[in-house]
Amino acid sequence: MASIRDLKKDINFVLGDIIEAVYQWEAATDNSNSEEGSSIIDKSIQAFDELMGKVHQQGIEDKKTHFKSIRSELEEKATTLIGDLNKLS
């Protein structure tokens, strides 16, 4: 199993890349500070906070299953956010 540090990095990089893609879309289309982009950014930050909260949760008996569920939740949330980003184009 990958380390907890790698999981934290994955959460940070994936959601950070989505936020960066929103900024690039806004710059390319002259829609700076758009409501749609801000919504995606807010959802990304909320997902980050939720996932990091779960990573730092104490008292977990089956850590392997817990961290696998966090990784799969990251994939689901990222897929949803990317779908929302693709709708902007």
N, C-alpha and C. Protein backbone atom coordinates (compact mmCIF):
# COMPACT_ATOMS: atom_id res chain seq x y z
N MET A 1 0.84 -1.17 0.00
CA MET A 1 0.00 0.00 0.00
C MET A 1 0.89 1.24 0.00
N ALA A 2 0.47 2.24 -0.74
CA ALA A 2 1.22 3.49 -0.79
C ALA A 2 1.15 4.17 0.56
N SER A 3 2.10 5.03 0.80
CA SER A 3 2.16 5.69 2.09
C SER A 3 1.08 6.76 2.23
N ILE A 4 0.82 7.15 3.44
CA ILE A 4 -0.15 8.21 3.71
C ILE A 4 0.34 9.51 3.09
N ARG A 5 1.63 9.72 3.11
CA ARG A 5 2.21 10.92 2.51
C ARG A 5 1.87 10.99 1.02
N ASP A 6 1.97 9.85 0.33
CA ASP A 6 1.64 9.83 -1.09
C ASP A 6 0.16 10.11 -1.33
N LEU A 7 -0.69 9.62 -0.45
CA LEU A 7 -2.12 9.88 -0.57
C LEU A 7 -2.40 11.37 -0.40
N LYS A 8 -1.75 11.99 0.58
CA LYS A 8 -1.92 13.43 0.78
C LYS A 8 -1.45 14.22 -0.44
N LYS A 9 -0.32 13.80 -1.01
CA LYS A 9 0.19 14.48 -2.20
C LYS A 9 -0.77 14.31 -3.37
N ASP A 10 -1.32 13.11 -3.53
CA ASP A 10 -2.28 12.87 -4.61
C ASP A 10 -3.50 13.76 -4.47
N ILE A 11 -4.03 13.86 -3.27
CA ILE A 11 -5.19 14.72 -3.02
C ILE A 11 -4.84 16.15 -3.39
N ASN A 12 -3.69 16.62 -2.94
CA ASN A 12 -3.28 18.00 -3.21
C ASN A 12 -3.06 18.24 -4.70
N PHE A 13 -2.36 17.35 -5.37
CA PHE A 13 -2.04 17.54 -6.78
C PHE A 13 -3.28 17.45 -7.67
N VAL A 14 -4.12 16.46 -7.44
CA VAL A 14 -5.30 16.27 -8.28
C VAL A 14 -6.24 17.47 -8.16
N LEU A 15 -6.58 17.84 -6.96
CA LEU A 15 -7.51 18.95 -6.78
C LEU A 15 -6.85 20.29 -7.15
N GLY A 16 -5.56 20.42 -6.92
CA GLY A 16 -4.84 21.62 -7.33
C GLY A 16 -4.81 21.77 -8.84
N ASP A 17 -4.64 20.65 -9.55
CA ASP A 17 -4.65 20.70 -11.02
C ASP A 17 -6.02 21.09 -11.56
N ILE A 18 -7.08 20.66 -10.91
CA ILE A 18 -8.42 21.04 -11.33
C ILE A 18 -8.62 22.54 -11.15
N ILE A 19 -8.18 23.07 -10.02
CA ILE A 19 -8.30 24.51 -9.77
C ILE A 19 -7.47 25.29 -10.80
N GLU A 20 -6.28 24.81 -11.09
CA GLU A 20 -5.44 25.47 -12.08
C GLU A 20 -6.09 25.44 -13.46
N ALA A 21 -6.74 24.34 -13.80
CA ALA A 21 -7.43 24.24 -15.09
C ALA A 21 -8.57 25.25 -15.19
N VAL A 22 -9.25 25.50 -14.08
CA VAL A 22 -10.31 26.51 -14.07
C VAL A 22 -9.72 27.88 -14.36
N TYR A 23 -8.60 28.19 -13.70
CA TYR A 23 -7.95 29.49 -13.93
C TYR A 23 -7.49 29.62 -15.38
N GLN A 24 -6.99 28.55 -15.96
CA GLN A 24 -6.57 28.58 -17.36
C GLN A 24 -7.77 28.79 -18.29
N TRP A 25 -8.88 28.14 -17.99
CA TRP A 25 -10.09 28.32 -18.79
C TRP A 25 -10.57 29.76 -18.71
N GLU A 26 -10.56 30.31 -17.50
CA GLU A 26 -11.00 31.69 -17.33
C GLU A 26 -10.09 32.65 -18.09
N ALA A 27 -8.79 32.41 -18.07
CA ALA A 27 -7.86 33.28 -18.79
C ALA A 27 -8.02 33.15 -20.30
N ALA A 28 -8.26 31.94 -20.76
CA ALA A 28 -8.38 31.71 -22.20
C ALA A 28 -9.68 32.26 -22.78
N THR A 29 -10.72 32.31 -21.97
CA THR A 29 -12.03 32.74 -22.47
C THR A 29 -12.43 34.12 -21.96
N ASP A 30 -11.53 34.81 -21.30
CA ASP A 30 -11.82 36.14 -20.73
C ASP A 30 -13.04 36.14 -19.82
N ASN A 31 -13.23 35.05 -19.09
CA ASN A 31 -14.30 34.93 -18.10
C ASN A 31 -13.71 34.99 -16.70
N SER A 32 -12.95 36.00 -16.42
CA SER A 32 -12.28 36.03 -15.13
C SER A 32 -13.30 36.17 -14.00
N ASN A 33 -13.09 35.38 -12.96
CA ASN A 33 -13.97 35.33 -11.79
C ASN A 33 -15.40 34.95 -12.15
N SER A 34 -15.56 34.01 -13.06
CA SER A 34 -16.89 33.56 -13.46
C SER A 34 -17.56 32.78 -12.33
N GLU A 35 -18.87 32.79 -12.30
CA GLU A 35 -19.61 32.04 -11.28
C GLU A 35 -19.38 30.55 -11.42
N GLU A 36 -19.37 30.06 -12.67
CA GLU A 36 -19.18 28.63 -12.91
C GLU A 36 -17.80 28.18 -12.43
N GLY A 37 -16.78 28.96 -12.77
CA GLY A 37 -15.42 28.63 -12.34
C GLY A 37 -15.27 28.69 -10.83
N SER A 38 -15.85 29.71 -10.24
CA SER A 38 -15.78 29.85 -8.78
C SER A 38 -16.47 28.69 -8.08
N SER A 39 -17.55 28.21 -8.66
CA SER A 39 -18.27 27.07 -8.09
C SER A 39 -17.40 25.82 -8.10
N ILE A 40 -16.71 25.58 -9.20
CA ILE A 40 -15.84 24.41 -9.30
C ILE A 40 -14.68 24.52 -8.32
N ILE A 41 -14.12 25.72 -8.19
CA ILE A 41 -13.02 25.94 -7.25
C ILE A 41 -13.50 25.70 -5.82
N ASP A 42 -14.68 26.22 -5.49
CA ASP A 42 -15.23 26.01 -4.14
C ASP A 42 -15.46 24.54 -3.85
N LYS A 43 -15.98 23.81 -4.84
CA LYS A 43 -16.21 22.37 -4.66
C LYS A 43 -14.89 21.63 -4.49
N SER A 44 -13.86 22.07 -5.21
CA SER A 44 -12.54 21.43 -5.09
C SER A 44 -11.96 21.65 -3.70
N ILE A 45 -12.09 22.86 -3.20
CA ILE A 45 -11.57 23.16 -1.86
C ILE A 45 -12.34 22.39 -0.80
N GLN A 46 -13.64 22.29 -0.97
CA GLN A 46 -14.46 21.53 -0.03
C GLN A 46 -14.07 20.05 -0.06
N ALA A 47 -13.85 19.50 -1.25
CA ALA A 47 -13.43 18.10 -1.37
C ALA A 47 -12.08 17.90 -0.70
N PHE A 48 -11.17 18.85 -0.90
CA PHE A 48 -9.85 18.77 -0.26
C PHE A 48 -9.98 18.71 1.25
N ASP A 49 -10.77 19.62 1.80
CA ASP A 49 -10.95 19.65 3.25
C ASP A 49 -11.56 18.36 3.78
N GLU A 50 -12.57 17.84 3.08
CA GLU A 50 -13.21 16.59 3.52
C GLU A 50 -12.24 15.42 3.48
N LEU A 51 -11.50 15.30 2.38
CA LEU A 51 -10.59 14.17 2.24
C LEU A 51 -9.44 14.24 3.22
N MET A 52 -8.89 15.42 3.42
CA MET A 52 -7.79 15.55 4.38
C MET A 52 -8.28 15.30 5.81
N GLY A 53 -9.51 15.67 6.09
CA GLY A 53 -10.08 15.37 7.39
C GLY A 53 -10.18 13.87 7.62
N LYS A 54 -10.54 13.14 6.56
CA LYS A 54 -10.62 11.69 6.68
C LYS A 54 -9.24 11.06 6.81
N VAL A 55 -8.24 11.63 6.13
CA VAL A 55 -6.88 11.11 6.24
C VAL A 55 -6.38 11.24 7.67
N HIS A 56 -6.71 12.35 8.32
CA HIS A 56 -6.22 12.62 9.67
C HIS A 56 -7.13 12.07 10.77
N GLN A 57 -8.16 11.34 10.40
CA GLN A 57 -9.10 10.78 11.37
C GLN A 57 -8.37 9.78 12.27
N GLN A 58 -8.64 9.84 13.54
CA GLN A 58 -7.98 8.98 14.52
C GLN A 58 -8.89 7.79 14.88
N GLY A 59 -8.29 6.75 15.40
CA GLY A 59 -9.04 5.61 15.91
C GLY A 59 -9.57 4.67 14.86
N ILE A 60 -8.93 4.59 13.73
CA ILE A 60 -9.36 3.70 12.65
C ILE A 60 -8.79 2.31 12.91
N GLU A 61 -9.67 1.31 12.87
CA GLU A 61 -9.22 -0.06 13.13
C GLU A 61 -8.59 -0.68 11.88
N ASP A 62 -9.29 -0.59 10.75
CA ASP A 62 -8.80 -1.18 9.50
C ASP A 62 -8.29 -0.06 8.61
N LYS A 63 -7.04 0.30 8.80
CA LYS A 63 -6.47 1.46 8.09
C LYS A 63 -6.37 1.23 6.59
N LYS A 64 -6.06 0.03 6.18
CA LYS A 64 -5.90 -0.25 4.75
C LYS A 64 -7.21 0.01 4.00
N THR A 65 -8.30 -0.49 4.53
CA THR A 65 -9.62 -0.28 3.91
C THR A 65 -10.00 1.20 3.96
N HIS A 66 -9.70 1.84 5.06
CA HIS A 66 -10.03 3.26 5.22
C HIS A 66 -9.33 4.11 4.16
N PHE A 67 -8.03 3.88 3.97
CA PHE A 67 -7.29 4.68 3.00
C PHE A 67 -7.65 4.33 1.56
N LYS A 68 -8.01 3.09 1.31
CA LYS A 68 -8.49 2.72 -0.03
C LYS A 68 -9.80 3.44 -0.34
N SER A 69 -10.67 3.56 0.65
CA SER A 69 -11.94 4.24 0.43
C SER A 69 -11.72 5.74 0.18
N ILE A 70 -10.71 6.32 0.84
CA ILE A 70 -10.39 7.72 0.61
C ILE A 70 -9.88 7.91 -0.81
N ARG A 71 -9.03 7.01 -1.26
CA ARG A 71 -8.50 7.10 -2.63
C ARG A 71 -9.62 6.97 -3.66
N SER A 72 -10.54 6.05 -3.45
CA SER A 72 -11.64 5.89 -4.41
C SER A 72 -12.58 7.09 -4.36
N GLU A 73 -12.76 7.68 -3.18
CA GLU A 73 -13.58 8.88 -3.07
C GLU A 73 -12.92 10.05 -3.80
N LEU A 74 -11.60 10.13 -3.73
CA LEU A 74 -10.86 11.16 -4.47
C LEU A 74 -11.11 11.00 -5.97
N GLU A 75 -11.04 9.78 -6.45
CA GLU A 75 -11.27 9.53 -7.88
C GLU A 75 -12.69 9.94 -8.29
N GLU A 76 -13.67 9.61 -7.46
CA GLU A 76 -15.06 9.95 -7.79
C GLU A 76 -15.26 11.47 -7.82
N LYS A 77 -14.74 12.15 -6.80
CA LYS A 77 -14.92 13.60 -6.73
C LYS A 77 -14.17 14.29 -7.87
N ALA A 78 -12.96 13.82 -8.18
CA ALA A 78 -12.19 14.41 -9.26
C ALA A 78 -12.88 14.21 -10.60
N THR A 79 -13.44 13.04 -10.82
CA THR A 79 -14.16 12.77 -12.06
C THR A 79 -15.35 13.69 -12.21
N THR A 80 -16.08 13.91 -11.13
CA THR A 80 -17.23 14.81 -11.15
C THR A 80 -16.79 16.24 -11.46
N LEU A 81 -15.73 16.69 -10.80
CA LEU A 81 -15.25 18.05 -11.00
C LEU A 81 -14.71 18.25 -12.42
N ILE A 82 -14.04 17.26 -12.96
CA ILE A 82 -13.55 17.35 -14.32
C ILE A 82 -14.71 17.38 -15.30
N GLY A 83 -15.75 16.62 -15.02
CA GLY A 83 -16.95 16.67 -15.85
C GLY A 83 -17.56 18.05 -15.85
N ASP A 84 -17.62 18.68 -14.68
CA ASP A 84 -18.14 20.05 -14.59
C ASP A 84 -17.25 21.02 -15.37
N LEU A 85 -15.95 20.81 -15.28
CA LEU A 85 -15.00 21.67 -16.02
C LEU A 85 -15.17 21.50 -17.51
N ASN A 86 -15.36 20.28 -17.96
CA ASN A 86 -15.54 20.04 -19.39
C ASN A 86 -16.81 20.67 -19.93
N LYS A 87 -17.83 20.81 -19.08
CA LYS A 87 -19.07 21.45 -19.50
C LYS A 87 -18.87 22.93 -19.77
N LEU A 88 -17.85 23.53 -19.16
CA LEU A 88 -17.59 24.95 -19.36
C LEU A 88 -17.10 25.23 -20.76
N SER A 89 -16.38 24.30 -21.36
CA SER A 89 -15.76 24.53 -22.66
C SER A 89 -16.74 24.66 -23.78
